[in-house]
Amino acid sequence: MKYIMFEDFSGAPVPIIFPSRINFDEMREQMPYTKALSAGYITLTHEGVRCHGQSKSLQLETGPDDAAVIQAKFEDAES
C-alpha cells in the first residue's frame, strides 16, 4: 500500500492510504488539501505500522512521525 500525508484545513496531519497500483501523482490530484507533507509506502507488521520509501513524482519521502500518526488513526478507529 502507498500513502500520502496531507495537512488538513486545521493544520493537522491526515494520511490517505491507497493501493500500490495507483500512482502517487494521480492520488495527489484527487485530494482537496493544499499541502502534501510526506509520502511513501506502508506495511502492517506484528509491531504495528511501518512507513518507508518515497514518492519520486511528488518529490516527498517518508516523514519521521508518519508511522505514529497512521497508527494513532487506526487506534482511534477501534475505540
Protein backbone atom coordinates (compact mmCIF):
# COMPACT_ATOMS: atom_id res chain seq x y z
CA MET A 1 0.00 0.00 0.00
CA LYS A 2 1.01 3.62 -0.52
CA TYR A 3 0.20 6.72 1.47
CA ILE A 4 0.38 10.49 1.26
CA MET A 5 0.37 12.55 4.44
CA PHE A 6 -1.51 15.81 3.93
CA GLU A 7 -2.02 18.82 6.15
CA ASP A 8 -5.76 19.26 6.68
CA PHE A 9 -7.54 22.59 6.85
CA SER A 10 -6.88 22.87 10.61
CA GLY A 11 -3.15 22.13 10.21
CA ALA A 12 -3.29 18.53 11.46
CA PRO A 13 -1.62 15.69 9.54
CA VAL A 14 -4.05 13.35 7.80
CA PRO A 15 -2.92 10.19 5.98
CA ILE A 16 -4.53 8.90 2.82
CA ILE A 17 -3.76 5.21 2.23
CA PHE A 18 -4.33 3.72 -1.20
CA PRO A 19 -3.45 0.69 -3.36
CA SER A 20 0.02 0.42 -4.87
CA ARG A 21 -1.39 0.27 -8.41
CA ILE A 22 -2.45 3.94 -8.14
CA ASN A 23 0.32 6.44 -8.84
CA PHE A 24 1.22 9.00 -6.21
CA ASP A 25 0.59 11.94 -8.54
CA GLU A 26 -2.81 10.55 -9.58
CA MET A 27 -3.93 10.35 -5.94
CA ARG A 28 -2.49 13.78 -5.19
CA GLU A 29 -4.66 15.32 -7.92
CA GLN A 30 -7.81 13.93 -6.27
CA MET A 31 -7.22 15.45 -2.82
CA PRO A 32 -8.57 18.88 -1.82
CA TYR A 33 -5.74 19.55 0.66
CA THR A 34 -3.24 22.14 -0.49
CA LYS A 35 -0.15 20.81 1.27
CA ALA A 36 1.32 17.31 0.99
CA LEU A 37 3.79 16.70 3.82
CA SER A 38 5.27 13.30 3.01
CA ALA A 39 4.67 10.15 1.02
CA GLY A 40 5.82 6.58 0.81
CA TYR A 41 4.80 3.01 1.41
CA ILE A 42 3.06 1.46 4.40
CA THR A 43 3.42 -2.04 5.75
CA LEU A 44 1.49 -3.53 8.66
CA THR A 45 3.70 -5.71 10.85
CA HIS A 46 3.16 -7.56 14.12
CA GLU A 47 4.70 -4.48 15.80
CA GLY A 48 2.34 -2.04 14.06
CA VAL A 49 2.67 0.33 11.14
CA ARG A 50 5.94 0.72 9.23
CA CYS A 51 6.45 3.57 6.74
CA HIS A 52 9.28 3.55 4.22
CA GLY A 53 10.36 4.82 0.84
CA GLN A 54 9.44 7.88 -1.13
CA SER A 55 7.43 9.32 -3.99
CA LYS A 56 9.73 10.50 -6.75
CA SER A 57 6.83 12.05 -8.67
CA LEU A 58 5.82 14.21 -5.67
CA GLN A 59 9.43 14.70 -4.51
CA LEU A 60 8.42 13.62 -1.00
CA GLU A 61 9.75 10.94 1.31
CA THR A 62 8.57 9.22 4.45
CA GLY A 63 8.42 11.51 7.47
CA PRO A 64 9.83 10.53 10.89
CA ASP A 65 6.41 10.67 12.60
CA ASP A 66 4.29 9.17 9.79
CA ALA A 67 4.03 5.67 11.28
CA ALA A 68 2.93 7.06 14.66
CA VAL A 69 0.29 9.30 13.06
CA ILE A 70 -1.12 6.43 10.99
CA GLN A 71 -1.02 4.01 13.94
CA ALA A 72 -2.93 6.55 16.06
CA LYS A 73 -5.63 6.84 13.37
CA PHE A 74 -6.13 3.05 13.45
CA GLU A 75 -6.28 3.05 17.24
CA ASP A 76 -8.82 5.93 17.26
CA ALA A 77 -11.00 3.96 14.83
CA GLU A 78 -11.08 0.98 17.20
CA SER A 79 -12.41 2.97 20.17
